[in-house]
C-alpha atoms as a PDB file:
ATOM      1  CA  MET A   1     -18.916   7.273 -29.463  1.00  0.00           C
ATOM      2  CA  SER A   2     -16.689   8.737 -32.179  1.00  0.00           C
ATOM      3  CA  GLY A   3     -15.835   5.343 -33.701  1.00  0.00           C
ATOM      4  CA  VAL A   4     -13.819   4.101 -30.707  1.00  0.00           C
ATOM      5  CA  GLU A   5     -15.503   1.174 -28.991  1.00  0.00           C
ATOM      6  CA  PRO A   6     -15.330   1.564 -25.196  1.00  0.00           C
ATOM      7  CA  LEU A   7     -13.867  -1.147 -23.019  1.00  0.00           C
ATOM      8  CA  ARG A   8     -16.618  -2.436 -20.709  1.00  0.00           C
ATOM      9  CA  ILE A   9     -15.594  -3.970 -17.385  1.00  0.00           C
ATOM     10  CA  GLU A  10     -18.266  -5.554 -15.236  1.00  0.00           C
ATOM     11  CA  VAL A  11     -17.702  -5.425 -11.479  1.00  0.00           C
ATOM     12  CA  SER A  12     -19.428  -7.553  -8.863  1.00  0.00           C
ATOM     13  CA  GLY A  13     -21.870  -4.958  -7.568  1.00  0.00           C
ATOM     14  CA  ILE A  14     -22.706  -1.420  -6.547  1.00  0.00           C
ATOM     15  CA  ASP A  15     -20.182  -1.437  -3.664  1.00  0.00           C
ATOM     16  CA  GLU A  16     -17.277  -2.067  -6.053  1.00  0.00           C
ATOM     17  CA  LEU A  17     -18.583   0.618  -8.392  1.00  0.00           C
ATOM     18  CA  VAL A  18     -18.722   3.100  -5.482  1.00  0.00           C
ATOM     19  CA  ARG A  19     -15.091   2.260  -4.642  1.00  0.00           C
ATOM     20  CA  ILE A  20     -14.025   2.923  -8.240  1.00  0.00           C
ATOM     21  CA  ALA A  21     -16.053   6.137  -8.606  1.00  0.00           C
ATOM     22  CA  SER A  22     -14.677   7.490  -5.325  1.00  0.00           C
ATOM     23  CA  THR A  23     -11.168   7.527  -6.828  1.00  0.00           C
ATOM     24  CA  LEU A  24     -12.128   9.399 -10.005  1.00  0.00           C
ATOM     25  CA  HIS A  25     -11.980  13.149 -10.584  1.00  0.00           C
ATOM     26  CA  ALA A  26     -15.778  13.311 -10.780  1.00  0.00           C
ATOM     27  CA  SER A  27     -17.358  10.930  -8.259  1.00  0.00           C
ATOM     28  CA  VAL A  28     -20.472  10.071 -10.269  1.00  0.00           C
ATOM     29  CA  ILE A  29     -22.338   6.836 -10.884  1.00  0.00           C
ATOM     30  CA  ASN A  30     -24.903   6.791 -13.676  1.00  0.00           C
ATOM     31  CA  VAL A  31     -27.950   4.625 -12.988  1.00  0.00           C
ATOM     32  CA  ASP A  32     -30.293   3.333 -15.673  1.00  0.00           C
ATOM     33  CA  GLU A  33     -33.349   2.362 -13.619  1.00  0.00           C
ATOM     34  CA  GLU A  34     -35.114   0.669 -16.521  1.00  0.00           C
ATOM     35  CA  ARG A  35     -32.220  -1.641 -17.385  1.00  0.00           C
ATOM     36  CA  LYS A  36     -31.016  -1.938 -13.764  1.00  0.00           C
ATOM     37  CA  ILE A  37     -27.436  -1.059 -14.706  1.00  0.00           C
ATOM     38  CA  ALA A  38     -25.096   1.348 -12.924  1.00  0.00           C
ATOM     39  CA  PHE A  39     -21.908   2.608 -14.560  1.00  0.00           C
ATOM     40  CA  THR A  40     -19.088   5.121 -14.422  1.00  0.00           C
ATOM     41  CA  PHE A  41     -16.543   6.263 -17.009  1.00  0.00           C
ATOM     42  CA  LEU A  42     -12.774   6.491 -16.985  1.00  0.00           C
ATOM     43  CA  MET A  43     -10.873   8.158 -19.824  1.00  0.00           C
ATOM     44  CA  PRO A  44      -7.199   7.206 -19.452  1.00  0.00           C
ATOM     45  CA  ILE A  45      -4.800   9.991 -20.361  1.00  0.00           C
ATOM     46  CA  ALA A  46      -2.591   7.775 -22.518  1.00  0.00           C
ATOM     47  CA  SER A  47      -5.445   6.177 -24.480  1.00  0.00           C
ATOM     48  CA  LEU A  48      -8.333   7.149 -26.697  1.00  0.00           C
ATOM     49  CA  THR A  49     -10.340   4.163 -25.461  1.00  0.00           C
ATOM     50  CA  PRO A  50     -12.863   5.052 -22.752  1.00  0.00           C
ATOM     51  CA  ILE A  51     -13.378   2.487 -19.997  1.00  0.00           C
ATOM     52  CA  ILE A  52     -16.871   1.887 -18.647  1.00  0.00           C
ATOM     53  CA  TYR A  53     -17.044   0.149 -15.290  1.00  0.00           C
ATOM     54  CA  PHE A  54     -20.541  -1.211 -14.706  1.00  0.00           C
ATOM     55  CA  ALA A  55     -22.627  -3.394 -12.427  1.00  0.00           C
ATOM     56  CA  ARG A  56     -25.932  -5.111 -12.934  1.00  0.00           C
ATOM     57  CA  LEU A  57     -28.324  -4.213 -10.127  1.00  0.00           C
ATOM     58  CA  ASP A  58     -30.754  -6.457  -8.302  1.00  0.00           C
ATOM     59  CA  GLU A  59     -32.225  -3.301  -6.824  1.00  0.00           C
ATOM     60  CA  VAL A  60     -31.779   0.332  -7.901  1.00  0.00           C
ATOM     61  CA  PRO A  61     -30.344   2.494  -5.105  1.00  0.00           C
ATOM     62  CA  GLY A  62     -33.133   4.422  -3.401  1.00  0.00           C
ATOM     63  CA  LYS A  63     -30.840   7.187  -2.148  1.00  0.00           C
ATOM     64  CA  ARG A  64     -29.077  10.012  -4.019  1.00  0.00           C
ATOM     65  CA  PHE A  65     -25.572   9.446  -2.602  1.00  0.00           C
ATOM     66  CA  ALA A  66     -23.211   6.706  -1.517  1.00  0.00           C
ATOM     67  CA  HIS A  67     -20.546   7.621   1.033  1.00  0.00           C
ATOM     68  CA  LEU A  68     -17.269   5.709   1.187  1.00  0.00           C
ATOM     69  CA  ASN A  69     -15.284   6.007   4.398  1.00  0.00           C
ATOM     70  CA  ARG A  70     -11.626   5.983   3.317  1.00  0.00           C
ATOM     71  CA  ILE A  71     -10.442   4.822   6.741  1.00  0.00           C
ATOM     72  CA  THR A  72     -12.799   1.898   7.398  1.00  0.00           C
ATOM     73  CA  GLY A  73     -13.828   1.109   3.808  1.00  0.00           C
ATOM     74  CA  GLY A  74     -17.473   1.172   4.878  1.00  0.00           C
ATOM     75  CA  ILE A  75     -20.166   2.350   2.491  1.00  0.00           C
ATOM     76  CA  ARG A  76     -23.444   3.963   3.493  1.00  0.00           C
ATOM     77  CA  PHE A  77     -26.245   5.549   1.458  1.00  0.00           C
ATOM     78  CA  SER A  78     -28.190   8.771   2.076  1.00  0.00           C
ATOM     79  CA  ASP A  79     -29.986  11.632   0.364  1.00  0.00           C
ATOM     80  CA  GLU A  80     -27.476  14.257   1.552  1.00  0.00           C
ATOM     81  CA  VAL A  81     -23.819  14.996   0.831  1.00  0.00           C
ATOM     82  CA  SER A  82     -21.551  13.901   3.669  1.00  0.00           C
ATOM     83  CA  ALA A  83     -19.599  16.489   5.640  1.00  0.00           C
ATOM     84  CA  GLU A  84     -17.498  13.804   7.333  1.00  0.00           C
ATOM     85  CA  PRO A  85     -13.783  14.466   6.675  1.00  0.00           C
ATOM     86  CA  ASN A  86     -12.934  10.825   5.924  1.00  0.00           C
ATOM     87  CA  GLU A  87     -15.845  10.211   3.548  1.00  0.00           C
ATOM     88  CA  VAL A  88     -16.148  10.646  -0.189  1.00  0.00           C
ATOM     89  CA  SER A  89     -19.656  11.301  -1.488  1.00  0.00           C
ATOM     90  CA  VAL A  90     -20.581   9.660  -4.796  1.00  0.00           C
ATOM     91  CA  ILE A  91     -23.733  10.992  -6.460  1.00  0.00           C
ATOM     92  CA  PHE A  92     -26.148   8.759  -8.370  1.00  0.00           C
ATOM     93  CA  ILE A  93     -27.412  10.324 -11.618  1.00  0.00           C
ATOM     94  CA  ARG A  94     -30.505   8.806 -13.251  1.00  0.00           C
ATOM     95  CA  VAL A  95     -29.907   8.291 -16.978  1.00  0.00           C
ATOM     96  CA  LYS A  96     -30.966   6.195 -19.953  1.00  0.00           C
ATOM     97  CA  ALA A  97     -27.975   4.120 -21.065  1.00  0.00           C
ATOM     98  CA  GLY A  98     -29.114   4.081 -24.686  1.00  0.00           C
ATOM     99  CA  GLU A  99     -26.760   2.101 -26.899  1.00  0.00           C
ATOM    100  CA  LEU A 100     -23.889   1.890 -24.383  1.00  0.00           C
ATOM    101  CA  PHE A 101     -24.984  -1.598 -23.405  1.00  0.00           C
ATOM    102  CA  PRO A 102     -26.388  -4.099 -25.896  1.00  0.00           C
ATOM    103  CA  GLN A 103     -29.717  -5.650 -24.936  1.00  0.00           C
ATOM    104  CA  PRO A 104     -29.303  -9.211 -23.573  1.00  0.00           C
END
């Protein structure tokens, strides 16, 4: 990563990661199925240090999307984008995390 070490912030689980991703410009969560880690990136405007929010997974999400209801705060999972006006759809992208996370 161009010599700048990213700041890694671990959150308590996939629900918290969905809440964070739903507020970003691109609502995407990357999922490394092999390592059972999910993560999303934030690049602050006033900093050159990328922030990686991540969660360790007990179970990899089996669906393609998480939907956060902005009114109730509820989260549901499905294989289709939501057309509900109060929901934000967050897509799960299957990736290999590579060297982003050191092996335990």
